Amino acid sequence: MKKVLVLLALLCTAVSMSAKPKKQMALQLYSIREVIGTPELYAKNHVEVFKKLAAWGYTAVEAANYDQGRGTFYGVTPQQFRADCEAAGLECLSSHATRGLTGEELKNHDFTEALKWWDKAIADHKAAGMSYIVTPGWGTPKTLEEAQTLCDYTNAIGRKCQAAGLRYGYHTHSHEYQKVGDVRWIDFMMQHTDPNVFFWQMDTYWCVMGQQSPVEYFKRYPGRFRMLHIKDLYELGQSGMLGFDAIFRAADTAGLDDYVVEMEGTDGTIDIMEGVRRCAEFLSKSKFVRKSYR
């Protein structure tokens, strides 16, 4: 009888532990572009890869291979991409996709044609079940006039996305911390974009490489950073350059809802899938990451 009671107790404990919510953790699929980055690689490898991501603790993905001309992600329809992710228990959270302005459009402050591109892009992202579209970056404008045009374009895109039930953001690198005239490009953009229709997806690694502090930017512009890219030189925690504990402790100040792990590559001693696994392990074991920020 005692053995039965012990077994029942262990079973209840296991069920209780399995029922606990996971940490919400997305992966930017650009990280594993050498594994699924083309339609051919995706078709061959995505089933096994998505199963591994879910087993390692990832709960969502951010795409990086949207083809507006064909209306596809990694060579498949938005509906099929969503089904592929959900079959592995992964959420289609977001995608990096954009239509930049030509030199003439920038010069003439004319984004009439550019905005037409977004109609289909928005419809495709909604069909994939995504919550966000993120511009993966523009170059640094040469003048404040060009900077203002890009801000006005950003606000127009944001309004389109908001009307369709999507959120629109911009992913930072290091060049946004360079100056245009006498002001940093990121500060100018902060001051000339509408926080009601636009958010920032700060890449924490590139912020540090731009010789800035992520936490100080959270304090300077509280609530503007709905998403973060969590990145290190290689796998998370490897370099010691990033204070991830301080970054996550400041999540409420940032306005964080979702974060996305990204790797540019490895140091060559491990393959990229092992690097992605180590990133998941690092965050899963951390005491500074909450179960959910939504």
C-alpha atoms as a PDB file:
ATOM      1  CA  MET A   1       0.000   0.000   0.000  1.00  0.00           C
ATOM      2  CA  LYS A   2       2.815   2.369   0.893  1.00  0.00           C
ATOM      3  CA  LYS A   3       4.463   1.693  -2.475  1.00  0.00           C
ATOM      4  CA  VAL A   4       1.204   2.534  -4.234  1.00  0.00           C
ATOM      5  CA  LEU A   5       0.889   5.790  -2.299  1.00  0.00           C
ATOM      6  CA  VAL A   6       4.484   6.708  -3.100  1.00  0.00           C
ATOM      7  CA  LEU A   7       3.917   6.012  -6.804  1.00  0.00           C
ATOM      8  CA  LEU A   8       0.745   8.094  -6.777  1.00  0.00           C
ATOM      9  CA  ALA A   9       2.578  10.949  -5.084  1.00  0.00           C
ATOM     10  CA  LEU A  10       5.341  10.813  -7.661  1.00  0.00           C
ATOM     11  CA  LEU A  11       2.785  10.715 -10.475  1.00  0.00           C
ATOM     12  CA  CYS A  12       0.940  13.748  -9.102  1.00  0.00           C
ATOM     13  CA  THR A  13       4.220  15.625  -8.762  1.00  0.00           C
ATOM     14  CA  ALA A  14       5.154  14.816 -12.368  1.00  0.00           C
ATOM     15  CA  VAL A  15       1.749  15.929 -13.642  1.00  0.00           C
ATOM     16  CA  SER A  16       1.976  19.117 -11.590  1.00  0.00           C
ATOM     17  CA  MET A  17       5.434  19.897 -12.948  1.00  0.00           C
ATOM     18  CA  SER A  18       4.422  19.212 -16.541  1.00  0.00           C
ATOM     19  CA  ALA A  19       1.411  21.489 -16.138  1.00  0.00           C
ATOM     20  CA  LYS A  20       3.529  24.462 -15.101  1.00  0.00           C
ATOM     21  CA  PRO A  21       3.699  27.119 -17.809  1.00  0.00           C
ATOM     22  CA  LYS A  22       6.850  27.275 -19.899  1.00  0.00           C
ATOM     23  CA  LYS A  23       8.919  30.373 -20.327  1.00  0.00           C
ATOM     24  CA  GLN A  24       7.758  32.041 -23.512  1.00  0.00           C
ATOM     25  CA  MET A  25      10.783  32.008 -25.813  1.00  0.00           C
ATOM     26  CA  ALA A  26      10.924  32.588 -29.568  1.00  0.00           C
ATOM     27  CA  LEU A  27      13.723  31.901 -32.041  1.00  0.00           C
ATOM     28  CA  GLN A  28      14.531  34.090 -35.035  1.00  0.00           C
ATOM     29  CA  LEU A  29      14.792  31.521 -37.816  1.00  0.00           C
ATOM     30  CA  TYR A  30      17.535  33.557 -39.501  1.00  0.00           C
ATOM     31  CA  SER A  31      19.736  31.920 -36.856  1.00  0.00           C
ATOM     32  CA  ILE A  32      19.354  28.552 -38.585  1.00  0.00           C
ATOM     33  CA  ARG A  33      19.305  29.770 -42.178  1.00  0.00           C
ATOM     34  CA  GLU A  34      21.912  27.165 -43.152  1.00  0.00           C
ATOM     35  CA  VAL A  35      19.476  24.460 -42.012  1.00  0.00           C
ATOM     36  CA  ILE A  36      16.086  25.745 -43.269  1.00  0.00           C
ATOM     37  CA  GLY A  37      16.876  29.068 -44.981  1.00  0.00           C
ATOM     38  CA  THR A  38      15.823  28.122 -48.525  1.00  0.00           C
ATOM     39  CA  PRO A  39      12.609  26.495 -49.758  1.00  0.00           C
ATOM     40  CA  GLU A  40      14.591  23.339 -50.536  1.00  0.00           C
ATOM     41  CA  LEU A  41      16.225  23.162 -47.104  1.00  0.00           C
ATOM     42  CA  TYR A  42      12.942  24.007 -45.416  1.00  0.00           C
ATOM     43  CA  ALA A  43      11.092  21.211 -47.222  1.00  0.00           C
ATOM     44  CA  LYS A  44      13.807  18.726 -46.280  1.00  0.00           C
ATOM     45  CA  ASN A  45      14.475  19.693 -42.669  1.00  0.00           C
ATOM     46  CA  HIS A  46      11.680  21.736 -41.075  1.00  0.00           C
ATOM     47  CA  VAL A  47       9.760  18.859 -39.458  1.00  0.00           C
ATOM     48  CA  GLU A  48      12.785  17.557 -37.547  1.00  0.00           C
ATOM     49  CA  VAL A  49      14.083  21.067 -36.791  1.00  0.00           C
ATOM     50  CA  PHE A  50      10.780  22.377 -35.415  1.00  0.00           C
ATOM     51  CA  LYS A  51      10.399  19.302 -33.202  1.00  0.00           C
ATOM     52  CA  LYS A  52      13.877  19.926 -31.771  1.00  0.00           C
ATOM     53  CA  LEU A  53      13.139  23.597 -31.099  1.00  0.00           C
ATOM     54  CA  ALA A  54       9.996  22.696 -29.169  1.00  0.00           C
ATOM     55  CA  ALA A  55      11.801  19.956 -27.237  1.00  0.00           C
ATOM     56  CA  TRP A  56      14.531  22.426 -26.237  1.00  0.00           C
ATOM     57  CA  GLY A  57      11.967  24.853 -24.817  1.00  0.00           C
ATOM     58  CA  TYR A  58      11.223  27.269 -27.634  1.00  0.00           C
ATOM     59  CA  THR A  59       7.555  28.177 -27.788  1.00  0.00           C
ATOM     60  CA  ALA A  60       7.482  30.390 -30.896  1.00  0.00           C
ATOM     61  CA  VAL A  61       9.356  31.402 -34.028  1.00  0.00           C
ATOM     62  CA  GLU A  62      10.067  34.611 -35.901  1.00  0.00           C
ATOM     63  CA  ALA A  63      10.371  34.151 -39.663  1.00  0.00           C
ATOM     64  CA  ALA A  64      12.999  35.764 -41.884  1.00  0.00           C
ATOM     65  CA  ASN A  65      12.157  34.474 -45.341  1.00  0.00           C
ATOM     66  CA  TYR A  66       8.983  36.236 -46.497  1.00  0.00           C
ATOM     67  CA  ASP A  67       8.636  36.475 -50.295  1.00  0.00           C
ATOM     68  CA  GLN A  68       5.989  39.099 -51.029  1.00  0.00           C
ATOM     69  CA  GLY A  69       6.020  38.378 -54.771  1.00  0.00           C
ATOM     70  CA  ARG A  70       5.005  34.778 -54.196  1.00  0.00           C
ATOM     71  CA  GLY A  71       3.228  35.364 -50.893  1.00  0.00           C
ATOM     72  CA  THR A  72       5.243  32.613 -49.206  1.00  0.00           C
ATOM     73  CA  PHE A  73       7.364  31.889 -46.144  1.00  0.00           C
ATOM     74  CA  TYR A  74      10.232  29.495 -46.886  1.00  0.00           C
ATOM     75  CA  GLY A  75       8.510  28.473 -50.108  1.00  0.00           C
ATOM     76  CA  VAL A  76       5.157  27.530 -48.571  1.00  0.00           C
ATOM     77  CA  THR A  77       1.906  29.441 -48.175  1.00  0.00           C
ATOM     78  CA  PRO A  78       1.283  31.429 -44.981  1.00  0.00           C
ATOM     79  CA  GLN A  79      -1.374  28.911 -43.988  1.00  0.00           C
ATOM     80  CA  GLN A  80       1.003  25.977 -44.501  1.00  0.00           C
ATOM     81  CA  PHE A  81       3.822  27.702 -42.611  1.00  0.00           C
ATOM     82  CA  ARG A  82       1.479  28.259 -39.681  1.00  0.00           C
ATOM     83  CA  ALA A  83       0.361  24.620 -39.803  1.00  0.00           C
ATOM     84  CA  ASP A  84       3.972  23.418 -39.912  1.00  0.00           C
ATOM     85  CA  CYS A  85       4.834  25.437 -36.818  1.00  0.00           C
ATOM     86  CA  GLU A  86       1.715  24.497 -34.892  1.00  0.00           C
ATOM     87  CA  ALA A  87       2.249  20.803 -35.664  1.00  0.00           C
ATOM     88  CA  ALA A  88       5.387  21.071 -33.530  1.00  0.00           C
ATOM     89  CA  GLY A  89       3.676  23.152 -30.847  1.00  0.00           C
ATOM     90  CA  LEU A  90       5.273  26.417 -31.961  1.00  0.00           C
ATOM     91  CA  GLU A  91       3.523  29.777 -32.339  1.00  0.00           C
ATOM     92  CA  CYS A  92       4.039  31.888 -35.469  1.00  0.00           C
ATOM     93  CA  LEU A  93       4.850  35.018 -33.513  1.00  0.00           C
ATOM     94  CA  SER A  94       6.354  37.451 -35.987  1.00  0.00           C
ATOM     95  CA  SER A  95       8.356  37.999 -39.137  1.00  0.00           C
ATOM     96  CA  HIS A  96      11.096  40.258 -40.405  1.00  0.00           C
ATOM     97  CA  ALA A  97       9.858  41.778 -43.650  1.00  0.00           C
ATOM     98  CA  THR A  98       9.899  45.205 -45.226  1.00  0.00           C
ATOM     99  CA  ARG A  99       9.779  47.338 -48.335  1.00  0.00           C
ATOM    100  CA  GLY A 100      12.369  50.086 -48.220  1.00  0.00           C
ATOM    101  CA  LEU A 101      12.120  53.395 -50.051  1.00  0.00           C
ATOM    102  CA  THR A 102      14.000  54.052 -53.288  1.00  0.00           C
ATOM    103  CA  GLY A 103      16.277  57.053 -53.599  1.00  0.00           C
ATOM    104  CA  GLU A 104      13.598  58.913 -55.546  1.00  0.00           C
ATOM    105  CA  GLU A 105      10.877  58.072 -53.036  1.00  0.00           C
ATOM    106  CA  LEU A 106      13.093  59.231 -50.200  1.00  0.00           C
ATOM    107  CA  LYS A 107      13.992  62.433 -52.004  1.00  0.00           C
ATOM    108  CA  ASN A 108      10.385  63.247 -52.930  1.00  0.00           C
ATOM    109  CA  HIS A 109       8.831  62.182 -49.598  1.00  0.00           C
ATOM    110  CA  ASP A 110       6.613  59.861 -51.637  1.00  0.00           C
ATOM    111  CA  PHE A 111       5.704  56.415 -50.335  1.00  0.00           C
ATOM    112  CA  THR A 112       2.426  55.971 -52.198  1.00  0.00           C
ATOM    113  CA  GLU A 113       3.637  52.918 -54.130  1.00  0.00           C
ATOM    114  CA  ALA A 114       5.591  51.557 -51.199  1.00  0.00           C
ATOM    115  CA  LEU A 115       2.481  51.420 -49.034  1.00  0.00           C
ATOM    116  CA  LYS A 116       0.732  49.268 -51.649  1.00  0.00           C
ATOM    117  CA  TRP A 117       3.367  46.578 -51.018  1.00  0.00           C
ATOM    118  CA  TRP A 118       2.225  46.398 -47.425  1.00  0.00           C
ATOM    119  CA  ASP A 119      -1.385  45.487 -48.250  1.00  0.00           C
ATOM    120  CA  LYS A 120      -0.443  41.994 -49.423  1.00  0.00           C
ATOM    121  CA  ALA A 121       2.317  41.635 -46.817  1.00  0.00           C
ATOM    122  CA  ILE A 122      -0.122  42.381 -44.019  1.00  0.00           C
ATOM    123  CA  ALA A 123      -2.704  39.942 -45.416  1.00  0.00           C
ATOM    124  CA  ASP A 124      -0.076  37.194 -45.678  1.00  0.00           C
ATOM    125  CA  HIS A 125       1.183  37.757 -42.141  1.00  0.00           C
ATOM    126  CA  LYS A 126      -2.339  37.629 -40.785  1.00  0.00           C
ATOM    127  CA  ALA A 127      -2.938  34.385 -42.683  1.00  0.00           C
ATOM    128  CA  ALA A 128       0.166  32.969 -40.996  1.00  0.00           C
ATOM    129  CA  GLY A 129      -1.331  33.836 -37.606  1.00  0.00           C
ATOM    130  CA  MET A 130       1.382  36.320 -36.704  1.00  0.00           C
ATOM    131  CA  SER A 131       1.080  39.132 -34.177  1.00  0.00           C
ATOM    132  CA  TYR A 132       3.930  41.339 -35.393  1.00  0.00           C
ATOM    133  CA  ILE A 133       5.694  42.506 -38.550  1.00  0.00           C
ATOM    134  CA  VAL A 134       9.179  43.913 -37.967  1.00  0.00           C
ATOM    135  CA  THR A 135      11.319  45.896 -40.390  1.00  0.00           C
ATOM    136  CA  PRO A 136      14.772  44.298 -40.104  1.00  0.00           C
ATOM    137  CA  GLY A 137      16.554  47.623 -40.575  1.00  0.00           C
ATOM    138  CA  TRP A 138      17.230  50.532 -42.902  1.00  0.00           C
ATOM    139  CA  GLY A 139      20.438  52.373 -43.576  1.00  0.00           C
ATOM    140  CA  THR A 140      21.278  55.597 -41.785  1.00  0.00           C
ATOM    141  CA  PRO A 141      19.670  58.601 -43.511  1.00  0.00           C
ATOM    142  CA  LYS A 142      22.073  61.233 -44.826  1.00  0.00           C
ATOM    143  CA  THR A 143      20.016  64.232 -43.732  1.00  0.00           C
ATOM    144  CA  LEU A 144      17.354  65.109 -41.190  1.00  0.00           C
ATOM    145  CA  GLU A 145      14.948  65.584 -44.111  1.00  0.00           C
ATOM    146  CA  GLU A 146      15.487  61.949 -45.129  1.00  0.00           C
ATOM    147  CA  ALA A 147      15.142  60.939 -41.498  1.00  0.00           C
ATOM    148  CA  GLN A 148      11.782  62.698 -41.266  1.00  0.00           C
ATOM    149  CA  THR A 149      10.564  60.967 -44.435  1.00  0.00           C
ATOM    150  CA  LEU A 150      11.455  57.570 -42.976  1.00  0.00           C
ATOM    151  CA  CYS A 151       9.654  58.442 -39.738  1.00  0.00           C
ATOM    152  CA  ASP A 152       6.550  59.525 -41.641  1.00  0.00           C
ATOM    153  CA  TYR A 153       6.711  56.302 -43.677  1.00  0.00           C
ATOM    154  CA  THR A 154       7.080  54.295 -40.459  1.00  0.00           C
ATOM    155  CA  ASN A 155       3.974  55.913 -38.965  1.00  0.00           C
ATOM    156  CA  ALA A 156       1.994  55.227 -42.149  1.00  0.00           C
ATOM    157  CA  ILE A 157       2.992  51.545 -42.095  1.00  0.00           C
ATOM    158  CA  GLY A 158       2.145  51.354 -38.409  1.00  0.00           C
ATOM    159  CA  ARG A 159      -1.336  52.737 -39.001  1.00  0.00           C
ATOM    160  CA  LYS A 160      -1.936  50.161 -41.758  1.00  0.00           C
ATOM    161  CA  CYS A 161      -0.814  47.315 -39.518  1.00  0.00           C
ATOM    162  CA  GLN A 162      -2.853  48.558 -36.580  1.00  0.00           C
ATOM    163  CA  ALA A 163      -5.992  48.768 -38.724  1.00  0.00           C
ATOM    164  CA  ALA A 164      -5.462  45.113 -39.677  1.00  0.00           C
ATOM    165  CA  GLY A 165      -4.878  43.988 -36.093  1.00  0.00           C
ATOM    166  CA  LEU A 166      -1.100  43.635 -36.359  1.00  0.00           C
ATOM    167  CA  ARG A 167       1.690  45.466 -34.543  1.00  0.00           C
ATOM    168  CA  TYR A 168       4.545  47.042 -36.467  1.00  0.00           C
ATOM    169  CA  GLY A 169       8.103  47.443 -35.227  1.00  0.00           C
ATOM    170  CA  TYR A 170      11.685  48.155 -36.220  1.00  0.00           C
ATOM    171  CA  HIS A 171      14.738  46.013 -35.403  1.00  0.00           C
ATOM    172  CA  THR A 172      17.836  47.922 -34.394  1.00  0.00           C
ATOM    173  CA  HIS A 173      21.460  47.235 -35.253  1.00  0.00           C
ATOM    174  CA  SER A 174      24.426  49.381 -34.222  1.00  0.00           C
ATOM    175  CA  HIS A 175      24.196  52.038 -36.942  1.00  0.00           C
ATOM    176  CA  GLU A 176      20.999  53.514 -35.468  1.00  0.00           C
ATOM    177  CA  TYR A 177      23.201  54.905 -32.689  1.00  0.00           C
ATOM    178  CA  GLN A 178      25.165  56.982 -35.195  1.00  0.00           C
ATOM    179  CA  LYS A 179      24.339  60.659 -35.602  1.00  0.00           C
ATOM    180  CA  VAL A 180      22.370  62.332 -38.360  1.00  0.00           C
ATOM    181  CA  GLY A 181      23.249  65.975 -38.078  1.00  0.00           C
ATOM    182  CA  ASP A 182      23.628  66.555 -34.342  1.00  0.00           C
ATOM    183  CA  VAL A 183      21.226  63.849 -33.112  1.00  0.00           C
ATOM    184  CA  ARG A 184      21.458  60.062 -32.940  1.00  0.00           C
ATOM    185  CA  TRP A 185      19.296  58.428 -35.586  1.00  0.00           C
ATOM    186  CA  ILE A 186      17.539  56.244 -33.014  1.00  0.00           C
ATOM    187  CA  ASP A 187      16.724  59.271 -30.833  1.00  0.00           C
ATOM    188  CA  PHE A 188      15.365  61.217 -33.801  1.00  0.00           C
ATOM    189  CA  MET A 189      13.212  58.252 -34.775  1.00  0.00           C
ATOM    190  CA  MET A 190      12.000  57.835 -31.205  1.00  0.00           C
ATOM    191  CA  GLN A 191      10.923  61.457 -31.114  1.00  0.00           C
ATOM    192  CA  HIS A 192       9.211  61.461 -34.526  1.00  0.00           C
ATOM    193  CA  THR A 193       7.323  58.161 -34.527  1.00  0.00           C
ATOM    194  CA  ASP A 194       3.957  57.422 -32.965  1.00  0.00           C
ATOM    195  CA  PRO A 195       4.184  54.978 -30.030  1.00  0.00           C
ATOM    196  CA  ASN A 196       0.515  54.138 -30.532  1.00  0.00           C
ATOM    197  CA  VAL A 197       1.255  52.461 -33.881  1.00  0.00           C
ATOM    198  CA  PHE A 198       4.949  51.608 -33.714  1.00  0.00           C
ATOM    199  CA  PHE A 199       7.338  49.793 -31.356  1.00  0.00           C
ATOM    200  CA  TRP A 200      11.037  48.978 -31.152  1.00  0.00           C
ATOM    201  CA  GLN A 201      12.575  45.533 -31.289  1.00  0.00           C
ATOM    202  CA  MET A 202      15.929  46.323 -29.724  1.00  0.00           C
ATOM    203  CA  ASP A 203      18.750  43.934 -30.537  1.00  0.00           C
ATOM    204  CA  THR A 204      20.555  43.941 -27.197  1.00  0.00           C
ATOM    205  CA  TYR A 205      23.875  42.774 -28.669  1.00  0.00           C
ATOM    206  CA  TRP A 206      23.949  45.460 -31.346  1.00  0.00           C
ATOM    207  CA  CYS A 207      23.027  48.092 -28.770  1.00  0.00           C
ATOM    208  CA  VAL A 208      26.127  47.169 -26.769  1.00  0.00           C
ATOM    209  CA  MET A 209      28.211  47.070 -29.946  1.00  0.00           C
ATOM    210  CA  GLY A 210      26.934  50.593 -30.623  1.00  0.00           C
ATOM    211  CA  GLN A 211      28.514  51.490 -27.254  1.00  0.00           C
ATOM    212  CA  GLN A 212      25.158  52.065 -25.585  1.00  0.00           C
ATOM    213  CA  SER A 213      23.317  50.499 -22.652  1.00  0.00           C
ATOM    214  CA  PRO A 214      20.037  48.673 -23.305  1.00  0.00           C
ATOM    215  CA  VAL A 215      18.782  49.451 -19.794  1.00  0.00           C
ATOM    216  CA  GLU A 216      19.579  53.157 -20.128  1.00  0.00           C
ATOM    217  CA  TYR A 217      17.560  53.262 -23.346  1.00  0.00           C
ATOM    218  CA  PHE A 218      14.668  51.538 -21.602  1.00  0.00           C
ATOM    219  CA  LYS A 219      14.763  54.255 -18.963  1.00  0.00           C
ATOM    220  CA  ARG A 220      15.042  57.019 -21.547  1.00  0.00           C
ATOM    221  CA  TYR A 221      12.093  55.734 -23.580  1.00  0.00           C
ATOM    222  CA  PRO A 222       9.979  53.608 -21.212  1.00  0.00           C
ATOM    223  CA  GLY A 223       7.344  51.386 -22.747  1.00  0.00           C
ATOM    224  CA  ARG A 224       8.667  51.659 -26.310  1.00  0.00           C
ATOM    225  CA  PHE A 225      10.424  48.268 -26.489  1.00  0.00           C
ATOM    226  CA  ARG A 226       7.604  45.760 -26.917  1.00  0.00           C
ATOM    227  CA  MET A 227      10.056  43.164 -28.296  1.00  0.00           C
ATOM    228  CA  LEU A 228      13.735  42.413 -27.786  1.00  0.00           C
ATOM    229  CA  HIS A 229      16.277  40.374 -29.678  1.00  0.00           C
ATOM    230  CA  ILE A 230      18.328  38.510 -27.098  1.00  0.00           C
ATOM    231  CA  LYS A 231      21.733  37.891 -28.606  1.00  0.00           C
ATOM    232  CA  ASP A 232      25.387  37.461 -27.673  1.00  0.00           C
ATOM    233  CA  LEU A 233      28.581  37.250 -29.700  1.00  0.00           C
ATOM    234  CA  TYR A 234      27.853  33.539 -30.122  1.00  0.00           C
ATOM    235  CA  GLU A 235      25.598  31.494 -27.801  1.00  0.00           C
ATOM    236  CA  LEU A 236      23.975  33.362 -24.923  1.00  0.00           C
ATOM    237  CA  GLY A 237      26.189  33.990 -21.923  1.00  0.00           C
ATOM    238  CA  GLN A 238      29.319  33.003 -23.839  1.00  0.00           C
ATOM    239  CA  SER A 239      31.036  36.387 -24.110  1.00  0.00           C
ATOM    240  CA  GLY A 240      30.229  37.982 -20.766  1.00  0.00           C
ATOM    241  CA  MET A 241      29.572  41.285 -22.577  1.00  0.00           C
ATOM    242  CA  LEU A 242      25.800  41.297 -22.092  1.00  0.00           C
ATOM    243  CA  GLY A 243      24.140  41.811 -18.722  1.00  0.00           C
ATOM    244  CA  PHE A 244      21.064  39.729 -19.444  1.00  0.00           C
ATOM    245  CA  ASP A 245      19.981  39.718 -15.803  1.00  0.00           C
ATOM    246  CA  ALA A 246      19.855  43.532 -15.764  1.00  0.00           C
ATOM    247  CA  ILE A 247      18.107  43.590 -19.147  1.00  0.00           C
ATOM    248  CA  PHE A 248      15.345  41.244 -18.006  1.00  0.00           C
ATOM    249  CA  ARG A 249      14.968  42.948 -14.634  1.00  0.00           C
ATOM    250  CA  ALA A 250      14.178  46.117 -16.581  1.00  0.00           C
ATOM    251  CA  ALA A 251      11.578  44.340 -18.746  1.00  0.00           C
ATOM    252  CA  ASP A 252       8.623  46.235 -17.282  1.00  0.00           C
ATOM    253  CA  THR A 253      10.359  49.560 -17.871  1.00  0.00           C
ATOM    254  CA  ALA A 254      11.064  48.517 -21.454  1.00  0.00           C
ATOM    255  CA  GLY A 255       7.421  47.560 -22.027  1.00  0.00           C
ATOM    256  CA  LEU A 256       8.449  44.027 -22.983  1.00  0.00           C
ATOM    257  CA  ASP A 257       5.822  41.609 -24.269  1.00  0.00           C
ATOM    258  CA  ASP A 258       7.944  39.127 -26.238  1.00  0.00           C
ATOM    259  CA  TYR A 259      11.609  38.355 -26.760  1.00  0.00           C
ATOM    260  CA  VAL A 260      13.344  36.513 -29.566  1.00  0.00           C
ATOM    261  CA  VAL A 261      16.636  34.625 -29.431  1.00  0.00           C
ATOM    262  CA  GLU A 262      18.938  35.204 -32.381  1.00  0.00           C
ATOM    263  CA  MET A 263      22.375  33.898 -33.303  1.00  0.00           C
ATOM    264  CA  GLU A 264      24.516  35.287 -36.110  1.00  0.00           C
ATOM    265  CA  GLY A 265      26.676  32.151 -36.015  1.00  0.00           C
ATOM    266  CA  THR A 266      29.022  30.110 -33.820  1.00  0.00           C
ATOM    267  CA  ASP A 267      32.742  30.221 -33.095  1.00  0.00           C
ATOM    268  CA  GLY A 268      33.207  27.139 -35.276  1.00  0.00           C
ATOM    269  CA  THR A 269      33.585  24.629 -32.459  1.00  0.00           C
ATOM    270  CA  ILE A 270      29.883  23.689 -32.507  1.00  0.00           C
ATOM    271  CA  ASP A 271      27.200  23.679 -35.193  1.00  0.00           C
ATOM    272  CA  ILE A 272      24.389  26.228 -35.207  1.00  0.00           C
ATOM    273  CA  MET A 273      21.738  23.839 -33.904  1.00  0.00           C
ATOM    274  CA  GLU A 274      23.868  23.097 -30.847  1.00  0.00           C
ATOM    275  CA  GLY A 275      24.309  26.833 -30.366  1.00  0.00           C
ATOM    276  CA  VAL A 276      20.554  27.355 -30.517  1.00  0.00           C
ATOM    277  CA  ARG A 277      20.069  24.531 -28.011  1.00  0.00           C
ATOM    278  CA  ARG A 278      22.573  26.116 -25.617  1.00  0.00           C
ATOM    279  CA  CYS A 279      20.756  29.459 -25.869  1.00  0.00           C
ATOM    280  CA  ALA A 280      17.508  27.772 -24.876  1.00  0.00           C
ATOM    281  CA  GLU A 281      19.215  25.991 -22.000  1.00  0.00           C
ATOM    282  CA  PHE A 282      20.766  29.261 -20.768  1.00  0.00           C
ATOM    283  CA  LEU A 283      17.413  31.051 -20.656  1.00  0.00           C
ATOM    284  CA  SER A 284      15.450  28.076 -19.353  1.00  0.00           C
ATOM    285  CA  LYS A 285      17.780  27.807 -16.361  1.00  0.00           C
ATOM    286  CA  SER A 286      17.942  31.547 -15.702  1.00  0.00           C
ATOM    287  CA  LYS A 287      16.151  32.972 -12.675  1.00  0.00           C
ATOM    288  CA  PHE A 288      15.730  36.400 -14.253  1.00  0.00           C
ATOM    289  CA  VAL A 289      13.346  35.426 -17.073  1.00  0.00           C
ATOM    290  CA  ARG A 290       9.642  35.282 -16.185  1.00  0.00           C
ATOM    291  CA  LYS A 291       7.262  32.661 -17.532  1.00  0.00           C
ATOM    292  CA  SER A 292       5.532  35.238 -19.695  1.00  0.00           C
ATOM    293  CA  TYR A 293       5.670  38.956 -20.388  1.00  0.00           C
ATOM    294  CA  ARG A 294       2.290  39.239 -22.089  1.00  0.00           C
END
